[in-house]
Amino acid sequence: MSGKRRAGAENKRAGGRRGAARRRTASAERSSPAVAPAGLSGGAYRPLRQGDVERIVGAAMEVLERTGIEVHPSPCREVFRAAGCRIDEDADRVYIGHKLVERSLETAARKVLLAGRSPQHDLELGGQRVYMGTGGQAVKILDLDGTVRETRLSDNYDIGRLCDTLEHIHFYMRPVVPRDLPNEQIDINQFYACLAATEKHVMANAYLPEKVAEQRAMAEVLAGGAEALDRRPIISYSNCWTVSPLRYATETVEILDQIVAHGLPVAISSAPQAGATSPAALAGTLVQIIAEQLSGITYVNLLNPGHPLMMGCVPAQADLRSGAFVGGSAEFALLNAACAQIAQHLEIPIYNSSGISDSKVPDAQAGAEKGVTGLAAALAGSNYIHHSAGFLESLLTVAYEQYVIDNDVNGEIMRMLKGIEVTEESLSIAVIDEVCKGPGHFLGHAQTLALMNSEYLYPSLLDRDNRDDWEQKGARDLREAAREKARKVLAEHWPQPISPDLDAELRRRFEIVLPVRAMRPAA
């Protein structure tokens, strides 16, 4: 072929490709269904061999028999005593035999439903189903003007409004501590602020045991009654009932007792740091955290067999050069993935973690740490992956724009979970033959147009323009684009998952301090 003819052919093909690209763009704008829904199955990543899983669980049971759990005089200790556990009164230690643990595992819930206000947001925890969402108790927020300040109750509402629009954030766990409220006002108001912002499932905690009844009462109003709430629990709890290593926190156990007594789902969370509050050996940290978890599973199932319970494994590490908490490391990713694998062996739903960056701002370090830890947890089949969005500075800080960025990261992770479908049709033998003997490219082929919205994920924020187009649009980096999107959502998105009549009833019955004017667009 001559140079002119070759150039003409290439130009024709390029024109065909550009036309096909325009048709694909128009198609994508017309319809962009979710390519990676919540609840996809993980489990492809197995950091432990099966024999090692069994050794870790066996070692954890040995620790409970040999070392025991420190439990101070309390109703909790008497529950263990009544179950036949040996008690060392002088050392305040409870020794739990493996037979009691095994009986508790037999009665433990295999699946846990965390309901959304609408069924499309339901989380069906168990097996290897994966959901990713918010979490934590940040005390600082990086505001959209670039300043860092203490967190307020209104941040729980505003972050909730933002996350309500982010499809790859599947649940809303209260993200910040309302530093503008006294402890006695936090419990009811943190749940209210979150429930008023989104129809996604809401998880929080309680600071005072007597407030659990009040929290349940509010949830009953929103769910349509006590029976409706029992069928579809729209709230749940994270309860950090241990202080590693192997010690129960009496005040927090009292809150756990109330959560169980009121029949509400709970994740019992322990968070040892390898090298500081658990062994430096990663296998040793797994033994300790599983011992803590098995003691909690036993305790809750002694109180109420089959209670909706999640193992709450949030292992981290200390930087042994400084002793500082580390959340964005490969070791953090390994430990959380391994805990998911162990939970599947035990057949207990698991709540664990990813997305904890040690970076102070939304930068390349944050992206790398979040990608590594999120992918590891999801591929391992973690059920309820909290902290997956928003966090910076080793759990101390959240940032509005980081939620927007992490939504895209989570979407890419969930797309990887979806995997590659191999069928006679998807093998594309006839399509390859047709294209190779015809136009020489696949851009305008019917299969390409048919699959573009189901086979591929299109991030809402990550930039894929060429440089010229990117510069014409303002040459914004990712953080600037995320800030712009967050500002737009916060200015325009005012959900009303609580009707005005129900809101009035809640304000009549409970001490709700978030002003109504803060929940409406400015006039």
Protein backbone atom coordinates (compact mmCIF):
# COMPACT_ATOMS: atom_id res chain seq x y z
CA MET A 1 0.00 0.00 0.00
CA SER A 2 1.32 3.48 -0.85
CA GLY A 3 1.93 6.10 1.83
CA LYS A 4 -1.08 8.16 0.70
CA ARG A 5 -3.42 5.18 0.62
CA ARG A 6 -2.15 4.03 4.04
CA ALA A 7 -2.64 7.51 5.48
CA GLY A 8 -6.12 7.69 3.98
CA ALA A 9 -7.05 4.33 5.46
CA GLU A 10 -5.73 5.36 8.88
CA ASN A 11 -7.66 8.64 8.71
CA LYS A 12 -10.83 6.76 7.79
CA ARG A 13 -10.33 4.37 10.67
CA ALA A 14 -9.59 7.24 13.03
CA GLY A 15 -12.74 8.99 11.87
CA GLY A 16 -14.66 5.78 12.49
CA ARG A 17 -13.14 5.50 15.94
CA ARG A 18 -14.02 9.11 16.76
CA GLY A 19 -17.59 8.59 15.56
CA ALA A 20 -17.88 5.43 17.60
CA ALA A 21 -16.47 7.23 20.61
CA ARG A 22 -19.12 9.95 20.25
CA ARG A 23 -21.86 7.30 20.03
CA ARG A 24 -20.48 5.55 23.12
CA THR A 25 -20.33 8.80 25.07
CA ALA A 26 -23.92 9.61 24.15
CA SER A 27 -24.97 6.11 25.20
CA ALA A 28 -23.15 6.43 28.52
CA GLU A 29 -24.81 9.78 29.18
CA ARG A 30 -28.25 8.25 28.52
CA SER A 31 -27.73 5.29 30.84
CA SER A 32 -25.06 4.43 33.36
CA PRO A 33 -26.32 1.60 35.59
CA ALA A 34 -24.22 0.59 38.59
CA VAL A 35 -21.64 -1.90 37.36
CA ALA A 36 -20.54 -3.08 40.79
CA PRO A 37 -23.44 -3.32 43.27
CA ALA A 38 -22.94 -3.75 46.99
CA GLY A 39 -22.78 -7.24 48.39
CA LEU A 40 -20.53 -8.76 45.75
CA SER A 41 -18.54 -11.78 46.85
CA GLY A 42 -14.86 -11.55 47.77
CA GLY A 43 -12.62 -14.33 49.01
CA ALA A 44 -10.13 -14.52 46.15
CA TYR A 45 -7.31 -13.21 48.36
CA ARG A 46 -6.25 -15.66 51.08
CA PRO A 47 -3.20 -14.44 53.03
CA LEU A 48 -3.29 -17.54 55.26
CA ARG A 49 -3.14 -21.21 54.38
CA GLN A 50 -6.09 -23.19 55.74
CA GLY A 51 -3.87 -25.05 58.15
CA ASP A 52 -2.58 -21.74 59.51
CA VAL A 53 -6.14 -20.48 60.05
CA GLU A 54 -6.86 -23.53 62.17
CA ARG A 55 -3.61 -23.10 64.11
CA ILE A 56 -4.42 -19.46 64.89
CA VAL A 57 -7.93 -20.31 66.11
CA GLY A 58 -6.55 -23.18 68.20
CA ALA A 59 -3.88 -20.92 69.69
CA ALA A 60 -6.51 -18.30 70.51
CA MET A 61 -8.53 -20.88 72.42
CA GLU A 62 -5.38 -21.93 74.27
CA VAL A 63 -4.78 -18.30 75.26
CA LEU A 64 -8.30 -18.06 76.70
CA GLU A 65 -7.69 -21.15 78.80
CA ARG A 66 -4.11 -20.31 79.78
CA THR A 67 -4.02 -16.52 80.09
CA GLY A 68 -7.71 -15.68 80.27
CA ILE A 69 -9.39 -12.29 80.13
CA GLU A 70 -9.12 -9.57 82.75
CA VAL A 71 -12.67 -8.89 83.96
CA HIS A 72 -13.24 -6.80 87.05
CA PRO A 73 -16.08 -7.60 89.49
CA SER A 74 -19.24 -6.99 87.49
CA PRO A 75 -22.38 -8.68 86.17
CA CYS A 76 -20.26 -9.68 83.17
CA ARG A 77 -17.94 -11.71 85.38
CA GLU A 78 -20.91 -13.41 87.00
CA VAL A 79 -22.22 -14.44 83.58
CA PHE A 80 -18.94 -16.21 82.92
CA ARG A 81 -18.98 -17.75 86.40
CA ALA A 82 -22.50 -19.10 85.88
CA ALA A 83 -21.33 -20.68 82.63
CA GLY A 84 -18.66 -22.64 84.50
CA CYS A 85 -15.59 -20.51 83.81
CA ARG A 86 -12.75 -20.56 86.30
CA ILE A 87 -12.30 -17.20 88.05
CA ASP A 88 -9.10 -15.93 89.65
CA GLU A 89 -10.53 -13.38 92.10
CA ASP A 90 -7.13 -11.96 93.10
CA ALA A 91 -5.98 -11.35 89.53
CA ASP A 92 -9.44 -10.47 88.18
CA ARG A 93 -9.05 -13.04 85.42
CA VAL A 94 -11.66 -15.22 83.76
CA TYR A 95 -10.49 -18.42 82.09
CA ILE A 96 -12.74 -19.61 79.26
CA GLY A 97 -12.58 -23.26 78.22
CA HIS A 98 -12.61 -24.29 74.59
CA LYS A 99 -15.81 -26.33 74.97
CA LEU A 100 -17.75 -23.24 76.08
CA VAL A 101 -16.32 -21.28 73.14
CA GLU A 102 -17.30 -24.04 70.72
CA ARG A 103 -20.86 -24.17 72.09
CA SER A 104 -21.14 -20.41 71.64
CA LEU A 105 -19.91 -20.65 68.07
CA GLU A 106 -22.64 -23.21 67.40
CA THR A 107 -25.36 -20.77 68.52
CA ALA A 108 -23.82 -17.63 66.99
CA ALA A 109 -25.64 -15.90 64.14
CA ARG A 110 -24.33 -16.87 60.70
CA LYS A 111 -25.94 -13.91 58.95
CA VAL A 112 -26.84 -10.42 60.10
CA LEU A 113 -29.21 -8.00 58.36
CA LEU A 114 -28.44 -4.30 58.69
CA ALA A 115 -31.41 -2.66 57.01
CA GLY A 116 -31.56 0.60 55.13
CA ARG A 117 -34.55 2.86 55.35
CA SER A 118 -35.37 1.41 51.93
CA PRO A 119 -34.49 -2.18 50.92
CA GLN A 120 -32.11 -1.04 48.18
CA HIS A 121 -29.69 -0.11 50.97
CA ASP A 122 -29.94 -3.37 52.94
CA LEU A 123 -26.69 -5.02 54.01
CA GLU A 124 -26.87 -8.82 54.24
CA LEU A 125 -23.71 -9.65 56.17
CA GLY A 126 -22.16 -13.08 56.14
CA GLY A 127 -20.06 -15.39 54.03
CA GLN A 128 -17.88 -13.37 51.66
CA ARG A 129 -20.33 -10.56 50.79
CA VAL A 130 -18.60 -7.17 50.74
CA TYR A 131 -19.90 -3.72 51.67
CA MET A 132 -17.79 -0.58 52.05
CA GLY A 133 -18.67 2.56 53.97
CA THR A 134 -17.71 5.26 56.43
CA GLY A 135 -16.64 4.90 60.03
CA GLY A 136 -14.63 6.20 62.91
CA GLN A 137 -14.70 8.87 65.55
CA ALA A 138 -12.70 11.71 64.07
CA VAL A 139 -12.19 14.77 66.23
CA LYS A 140 -10.93 17.06 63.43
CA ILE A 141 -12.20 17.92 59.99
CA LEU A 142 -10.38 19.38 57.00
CA ASP A 143 -12.95 21.86 55.80
CA LEU A 144 -13.57 22.79 52.18
CA ASP A 145 -11.74 26.10 52.67
CA GLY A 146 -8.58 24.19 53.62
CA THR A 147 -8.69 24.90 57.36
CA VAL A 148 -8.68 22.23 60.06
CA ARG A 149 -11.13 22.59 62.94
CA GLU A 150 -12.84 20.54 65.64
CA THR A 151 -15.77 18.41 64.52
CA ARG A 152 -19.38 19.40 65.18
CA LEU A 153 -22.73 17.61 65.24
CA SER A 154 -23.65 19.30 61.98
CA ASP A 155 -20.71 17.54 60.28
CA ASN A 156 -22.41 14.19 60.85
CA TYR A 157 -25.45 15.59 59.05
CA ASP A 158 -23.53 17.25 56.22
CA ILE A 159 -21.18 14.31 55.60
CA GLY A 160 -24.27 12.11 55.57
CA ARG A 161 -25.89 14.29 52.90
CA LEU A 162 -22.74 14.03 50.84
CA CYS A 163 -22.47 10.25 51.26
CA ASP A 164 -26.15 9.89 50.40
CA THR A 165 -25.17 10.76 46.82
CA LEU A 166 -22.08 8.51 46.62
CA GLU A 167 -23.10 5.11 45.24
CA HIS A 168 -19.98 3.20 46.31
CA ILE A 169 -20.39 4.16 49.97
CA HIS A 170 -22.86 1.49 51.00
CA PHE A 171 -23.56 2.41 54.63
CA TYR A 172 -23.19 5.39 56.91
CA MET A 173 -21.34 4.84 60.15
CA ARG A 174 -21.24 8.02 62.20
CA PRO A 175 -17.89 9.55 61.18
CA VAL A 176 -17.13 12.29 63.71
CA VAL A 177 -17.45 13.03 67.42
CA PRO A 178 -19.69 16.06 68.03
CA ARG A 179 -17.18 18.11 69.99
CA ASP A 180 -19.78 20.84 70.45
CA LEU A 181 -22.02 18.64 72.64
CA PRO A 182 -21.68 17.29 76.18
CA ASN A 183 -21.57 13.49 76.47
CA GLU A 184 -25.14 13.22 77.71
CA GLN A 185 -26.46 14.83 74.49
CA ILE A 186 -24.28 12.95 72.01
CA ASP A 187 -25.95 9.54 71.94
CA ILE A 188 -29.40 10.47 70.67
CA ASN A 189 -28.21 13.37 68.52
CA GLN A 190 -25.50 11.54 66.60
CA PHE A 191 -28.02 8.91 65.50
CA TYR A 192 -30.58 11.59 64.65
CA ALA A 193 -28.13 13.64 62.56
CA CYS A 194 -27.14 10.56 60.55
CA LEU A 195 -30.68 9.23 60.08
CA ALA A 196 -31.85 12.67 58.96
CA ALA A 197 -29.20 12.76 56.23
CA THR A 198 -29.54 9.44 54.40
CA GLU A 199 -31.64 6.33 53.87
CA LYS A 200 -28.54 4.14 54.09
CA HIS A 201 -28.03 1.97 57.17
CA VAL A 202 -26.69 3.93 60.14
CA MET A 203 -24.24 2.64 62.74
CA ALA A 204 -23.01 4.59 65.76
CA ASN A 205 -22.27 3.91 69.43
CA ALA A 206 -23.43 4.93 72.87
CA TYR A 207 -21.45 6.73 75.55
CA LEU A 208 -23.92 6.02 78.34
CA PRO A 209 -25.70 2.68 78.86
CA GLU A 210 -28.99 4.29 79.83
CA LYS A 211 -29.13 6.04 76.43
CA VAL A 212 -29.46 2.79 74.46
CA ALA A 213 -33.16 2.55 75.33
CA GLU A 214 -33.67 6.11 74.08
CA GLN A 215 -31.81 5.36 70.85
CA ARG A 216 -33.97 2.30 70.28
CA ALA A 217 -37.13 4.28 70.96
CA MET A 218 -36.18 6.81 68.30
CA ALA A 219 -35.41 4.04 65.81
CA GLU A 220 -38.80 2.46 66.52
CA VAL A 221 -40.53 5.72 65.58
CA LEU A 222 -38.67 5.80 62.27
CA ALA A 223 -39.06 2.08 61.55
CA GLY A 224 -42.79 1.99 62.27
CA GLY A 225 -42.79 0.24 65.61
CA ALA A 226 -40.88 -2.26 67.72
CA GLU A 227 -41.71 -5.31 65.61
CA ALA A 228 -40.81 -3.49 62.41
CA LEU A 229 -37.45 -2.51 63.89
CA ASP A 230 -36.76 -6.07 64.97
CA ARG A 231 -37.50 -7.32 61.45
CA ARG A 232 -35.52 -4.57 59.78
CA PRO A 233 -32.97 -2.98 62.14
CA ILE A 234 -32.17 0.43 60.66
CA ILE A 235 -29.54 1.17 63.33
CA SER A 236 -26.67 -0.84 64.74
CA TYR A 237 -23.75 -0.36 67.09
CA SER A 238 -20.02 -0.56 67.27
CA ASN A 239 -18.92 -1.41 70.80
CA CYS A 240 -15.24 -1.34 71.80
CA TRP A 241 -15.68 -3.55 74.84
CA THR A 242 -12.02 -4.58 75.18
CA VAL A 243 -8.80 -2.77 75.97
CA SER A 244 -6.00 -4.76 74.40
CA PRO A 245 -4.34 -6.89 75.53
CA LEU A 246 -7.13 -9.14 76.82
CA ARG A 247 -8.90 -6.80 79.20
CA TYR A 248 -12.59 -5.90 79.38
CA ALA A 249 -13.57 -2.24 79.85
CA THR A 250 -16.28 -2.37 82.52
CA GLU A 251 -18.13 0.77 81.44
CA THR A 252 -18.25 -0.28 77.79
CA VAL A 253 -19.39 -3.80 78.68
CA GLU A 254 -22.33 -2.19 80.49
CA ILE A 255 -23.27 -0.51 77.21
CA LEU A 256 -22.86 -3.83 75.36
CA ASP A 257 -25.22 -5.42 77.88
CA GLN A 258 -27.87 -2.82 77.06
CA ILE A 259 -27.43 -3.22 73.30
CA VAL A 260 -27.96 -6.97 73.62
CA ALA A 261 -30.89 -6.52 76.02
CA HIS A 262 -32.57 -4.24 73.46
CA GLY A 263 -32.02 -6.72 70.63
CA LEU A 264 -29.97 -4.44 68.38
CA PRO A 265 -27.17 -5.59 66.05
CA VAL A 266 -23.66 -4.95 67.31
CA ALA A 267 -20.06 -5.23 66.17
CA ILE A 268 -17.80 -6.04 69.11
CA SER A 269 -14.65 -4.17 68.18
CA SER A 270 -11.10 -4.80 69.37
CA ALA A 271 -8.19 -2.89 67.90
CA PRO A 272 -4.77 -4.09 69.09
CA GLN A 273 -1.65 -2.50 67.63
CA ALA A 274 1.05 -4.98 66.67
CA GLY A 275 4.22 -4.22 68.59
CA ALA A 276 2.44 -2.09 71.21
CA THR A 277 -0.77 -3.65 72.54
CA SER A 278 -0.30 -7.01 70.81
CA PRO A 279 2.74 -9.05 69.75
CA ALA A 280 5.08 -7.70 67.10
CA ALA A 281 4.71 -11.02 65.29
CA LEU A 282 1.71 -10.58 62.99
CA ALA A 283 0.59 -14.16 63.65
CA GLY A 284 0.71 -13.39 67.38
CA THR A 285 -1.47 -10.31 66.89
CA LEU A 286 -3.98 -12.50 65.04
CA VAL A 287 -3.97 -15.00 67.91
CA GLN A 288 -4.62 -12.24 70.44
CA ILE A 289 -7.38 -10.47 68.50
CA ILE A 290 -9.15 -13.76 67.78
CA ALA A 291 -8.90 -14.67 71.49
CA GLU A 292 -10.50 -11.33 72.34
CA GLN A 293 -13.19 -11.89 69.73
CA LEU A 294 -13.94 -15.45 70.80
CA SER A 295 -14.37 -14.27 74.38
CA GLY A 296 -16.83 -11.61 73.20
CA ILE A 297 -18.74 -14.02 70.95
CA THR A 298 -19.00 -16.36 73.93
CA TYR A 299 -20.18 -13.61 76.26
CA VAL A 300 -22.85 -12.22 73.92
CA ASN A 301 -24.17 -15.69 73.13
CA LEU A 302 -24.37 -16.47 76.82
CA LEU A 303 -26.54 -13.37 77.19
CA ASN A 304 -28.65 -14.07 74.10
CA PRO A 305 -27.88 -17.08 71.89
CA GLY A 306 -27.99 -16.13 68.20
CA HIS A 307 -27.88 -12.39 68.85
CA PRO A 308 -27.13 -10.38 65.64
CA LEU A 309 -23.41 -10.01 66.22
CA MET A 310 -20.41 -9.16 64.05
CA MET A 311 -16.83 -9.93 64.90
CA GLY A 312 -15.15 -6.54 65.10
CA CYS A 313 -11.53 -7.03 64.08
CA VAL A 314 -9.62 -3.79 63.55
CA PRO A 315 -5.98 -4.81 63.97
CA ALA A 316 -3.33 -2.19 63.26
CA GLN A 317 0.32 -1.70 64.09
CA ALA A 318 2.67 0.65 65.83
CA ASP A 319 5.58 2.17 63.95
CA LEU A 320 8.31 0.57 66.03
CA ARG A 321 10.64 3.49 65.39
CA SER A 322 8.31 5.91 67.16
CA GLY A 323 5.46 3.95 68.73
CA ALA A 324 2.92 5.90 66.64
CA PHE A 325 -0.26 4.29 65.31
CA VAL A 326 -0.03 3.18 61.68
CA GLY A 327 -3.12 2.61 59.55
CA GLY A 328 -1.98 2.79 55.95
CA SER A 329 0.53 -0.04 55.76
CA ALA A 330 0.83 -3.37 54.00
CA GLU A 331 0.81 -5.02 57.44
CA PHE A 332 -2.50 -3.33 58.26
CA ALA A 333 -3.90 -4.66 54.99
CA LEU A 334 -2.60 -8.17 55.69
CA LEU A 335 -3.99 -8.31 59.21
CA ASN A 336 -7.48 -7.18 58.23
CA ALA A 337 -7.59 -9.55 55.26
CA ALA A 338 -6.45 -12.41 57.47
CA CYS A 339 -9.18 -11.63 60.00
CA ALA A 340 -11.76 -11.85 57.22
CA GLN A 341 -10.43 -15.26 56.27
CA ILE A 342 -10.61 -16.44 59.88
CA ALA A 343 -14.17 -15.09 60.25
CA GLN A 344 -15.25 -17.10 57.22
CA HIS A 345 -13.71 -20.19 58.81
CA LEU A 346 -15.70 -19.50 61.99
CA GLU A 347 -18.81 -18.60 59.91
CA ILE A 348 -19.30 -15.31 61.75
CA PRO A 349 -20.00 -12.01 59.95
CA ILE A 350 -17.09 -9.58 60.24
CA TYR A 351 -16.71 -5.84 60.66
CA ASN A 352 -13.22 -4.66 59.89
CA SER A 353 -11.29 -1.89 58.27
CA SER A 354 -9.54 -0.28 55.32
CA GLY A 355 -8.83 3.19 54.02
CA ILE A 356 -6.99 4.50 57.07
CA SER A 357 -4.35 6.81 55.64
CA ASP A 358 -1.58 8.32 57.71
CA SER A 359 -1.41 11.27 55.29
CA LYS A 360 -2.62 14.64 56.54
CA VAL A 361 -4.20 15.76 53.24
CA PRO A 362 -5.85 14.08 50.22
CA ASP A 363 -2.65 13.38 48.30
CA ALA A 364 -0.79 10.58 46.52
CA GLN A 365 0.11 8.92 49.83
CA ALA A 366 -3.55 8.83 50.84
CA GLY A 367 -4.55 7.34 47.50
CA ALA A 368 -1.88 4.64 47.65
CA GLU A 369 -2.67 3.63 51.23
CA LYS A 370 -6.41 3.58 50.68
CA GLY A 371 -6.13 1.58 47.48
CA VAL A 372 -3.89 -1.09 49.00
CA THR A 373 -5.84 -1.55 52.23
CA GLY A 374 -9.29 -1.36 50.63
CA LEU A 375 -8.48 -3.85 47.90
CA ALA A 376 -6.97 -6.34 50.36
CA ALA A 377 -10.01 -6.28 52.66
CA ALA A 378 -12.51 -6.53 49.82
CA LEU A 379 -10.72 -9.29 47.93
CA ALA A 380 -10.49 -11.23 51.19
CA GLY A 381 -14.28 -11.04 51.53
CA SER A 382 -14.66 -8.71 54.51
CA ASN A 383 -18.35 -8.09 55.08
CA TYR A 384 -18.57 -4.62 56.64
CA ILE A 385 -15.52 -2.56 55.73
CA HIS A 386 -15.69 0.67 57.67
CA HIS A 387 -13.22 3.58 57.48
CA SER A 388 -13.18 3.01 53.71
CA ALA A 389 -14.04 6.65 53.01
CA GLY A 390 -13.08 10.05 54.33
CA PHE A 391 -10.23 9.39 56.74
CA LEU A 392 -6.84 11.05 57.04
CA GLU A 393 -4.21 11.50 59.76
CA SER A 394 -4.47 8.01 61.24
CA LEU A 395 -8.20 8.28 62.14
CA LEU A 396 -7.97 11.75 63.67
CA THR A 397 -9.26 13.74 60.69
CA VAL A 398 -11.86 13.49 57.93
CA ALA A 399 -12.16 15.66 54.83
CA TYR A 400 -15.26 16.37 52.76
CA GLU A 401 -13.39 16.03 49.47
CA GLN A 402 -11.83 12.75 50.60
CA TYR A 403 -15.26 11.10 50.70
CA VAL A 404 -15.77 12.03 47.05
CA ILE A 405 -12.35 10.67 46.06
CA ASP A 406 -12.79 7.48 48.07
CA ASN A 407 -16.15 6.84 46.46
CA ASP A 408 -14.34 6.39 43.14
CA VAL A 409 -11.66 4.25 44.78
CA ASN A 410 -14.35 2.02 46.29
CA GLY A 411 -16.05 1.77 42.93
CA GLU A 412 -12.87 0.51 41.29
CA ILE A 413 -12.42 -2.02 44.12
CA MET A 414 -15.98 -3.29 43.79
CA ARG A 415 -15.52 -3.59 40.03
CA MET A 416 -12.54 -5.86 40.67
CA LEU A 417 -14.74 -8.01 42.90
CA LYS A 418 -17.20 -8.42 40.06
CA GLY A 419 -14.47 -10.16 38.09
CA ILE A 420 -14.57 -11.31 34.47
CA GLU A 421 -17.51 -13.27 33.12
CA VAL A 422 -16.46 -16.07 30.77
CA THR A 423 -19.23 -17.42 28.52
CA GLU A 424 -19.45 -18.59 24.93
CA GLU A 425 -20.67 -15.14 24.03
CA SER A 426 -18.06 -13.22 26.03
CA LEU A 427 -15.21 -15.28 24.53
CA SER A 428 -16.05 -13.25 21.39
CA ILE A 429 -14.68 -15.65 18.79
CA ALA A 430 -17.17 -14.58 16.11
CA VAL A 431 -16.74 -10.91 17.00
CA ILE A 432 -12.96 -11.12 16.63
CA ASP A 433 -13.35 -12.84 13.27
CA GLU A 434 -15.88 -10.28 12.04
CA VAL A 435 -13.81 -7.26 13.07
CA CYS A 436 -10.48 -8.60 11.81
CA LYS A 437 -12.02 -9.25 8.39
CA GLY A 438 -13.87 -5.95 8.40
CA PRO A 439 -13.27 -2.50 9.92
CA GLY A 440 -10.22 -3.52 11.95
CA HIS A 441 -11.41 -1.97 15.22
CA PHE A 442 -14.09 -2.81 17.80
CA LEU A 443 -15.18 0.71 18.73
CA GLY A 444 -18.38 0.78 16.70
CA HIS A 445 -19.25 -2.89 16.99
CA ALA A 446 -22.66 -3.84 18.36
CA GLN A 447 -21.05 -5.87 21.16
CA THR A 448 -19.04 -2.84 22.30
CA LEU A 449 -22.13 -0.64 22.46
CA ALA A 450 -24.09 -3.38 24.23
CA LEU A 451 -21.44 -3.95 26.92
CA MET A 452 -20.14 -0.45 27.56
CA ASN A 453 -22.47 0.15 30.51
CA SER A 454 -22.26 -3.30 32.08
CA GLU A 455 -18.68 -4.46 31.50
CA TYR A 456 -17.02 -1.16 32.38
CA LEU A 457 -17.08 1.24 35.32
CA TYR A 458 -16.84 4.97 34.65
CA PRO A 459 -15.51 6.89 37.67
CA SER A 460 -17.45 10.01 38.51
CA LEU A 461 -14.34 12.01 39.36
CA LEU A 462 -11.10 10.39 38.21
CA ASP A 463 -9.89 12.25 35.13
CA ARG A 464 -9.46 10.45 31.80
CA ASP A 465 -9.33 13.42 29.44
CA ASN A 466 -6.35 14.08 27.21
CA ARG A 467 -4.10 16.94 28.29
CA ASP A 468 -5.58 19.51 25.90
CA ASP A 469 -9.15 18.85 27.07
CA TRP A 470 -8.02 18.76 30.70
CA GLU A 471 -6.31 22.14 30.35
CA GLN A 472 -9.33 23.66 28.60
CA LYS A 473 -11.49 22.57 31.56
CA GLY A 474 -9.25 24.39 34.02
CA ALA A 475 -6.38 21.93 34.62
CA ARG A 476 -7.81 20.93 38.00
CA ASP A 477 -6.14 18.22 40.02
CA LEU A 478 -8.17 15.49 41.71
CA ARG A 479 -8.47 17.29 45.01
CA GLU A 480 -9.79 20.47 43.37
CA ALA A 481 -12.34 18.48 41.39
CA ALA A 482 -13.45 16.65 44.54
CA ARG A 483 -13.88 19.90 46.44
CA GLU A 484 -16.00 21.31 43.65
CA LYS A 485 -18.25 18.26 43.64
CA ALA A 486 -18.57 18.29 47.44
CA ARG A 487 -19.50 21.97 47.44
CA LYS A 488 -22.14 21.37 44.77
CA VAL A 489 -23.72 18.45 46.65
CA LEU A 490 -23.75 20.33 49.96
CA ALA A 491 -25.37 23.33 48.30
CA GLU A 492 -28.03 21.36 46.42
CA HIS A 493 -28.75 17.97 48.02
CA TRP A 494 -31.23 18.20 50.88
CA PRO A 495 -32.68 14.72 51.44
CA GLN A 496 -35.71 14.24 53.65
CA PRO A 497 -35.62 10.65 54.90
CA ILE A 498 -37.52 11.84 57.98
CA SER A 499 -40.89 13.35 57.12
CA PRO A 500 -41.82 16.67 58.77
CA ASP A 501 -44.48 14.96 60.90
CA LEU A 502 -42.07 12.32 62.18
CA ASP A 503 -39.43 14.96 62.74
CA ALA A 504 -41.84 16.96 64.86
CA GLU A 505 -42.63 13.84 66.91
CA LEU A 506 -38.94 13.11 67.45
CA ARG A 507 -38.32 16.68 68.57
CA ARG A 508 -41.25 16.45 70.96
CA ARG A 509 -40.05 13.18 72.53
CA PHE A 510 -36.28 13.61 72.47
CA GLU A 511 -33.77 16.37 73.06
CA ILE A 512 -32.84 17.00 69.43
CA VAL A 513 -30.41 19.92 69.15
CA LEU A 514 -29.71 20.07 65.38
CA PRO A 515 -31.75 23.10 64.29
CA VAL A 516 -34.37 22.60 61.58
CA ARG A 517 -32.89 25.56 59.73
CA ALA A 518 -29.60 23.63 59.38
CA MET A 519 -31.48 20.96 57.42
CA ARG A 520 -32.95 23.17 54.70
CA PRO A 521 -31.39 25.08 51.82
CA ALA A 522 -30.70 28.71 52.50
CA ALA A 523 -33.54 30.99 51.45
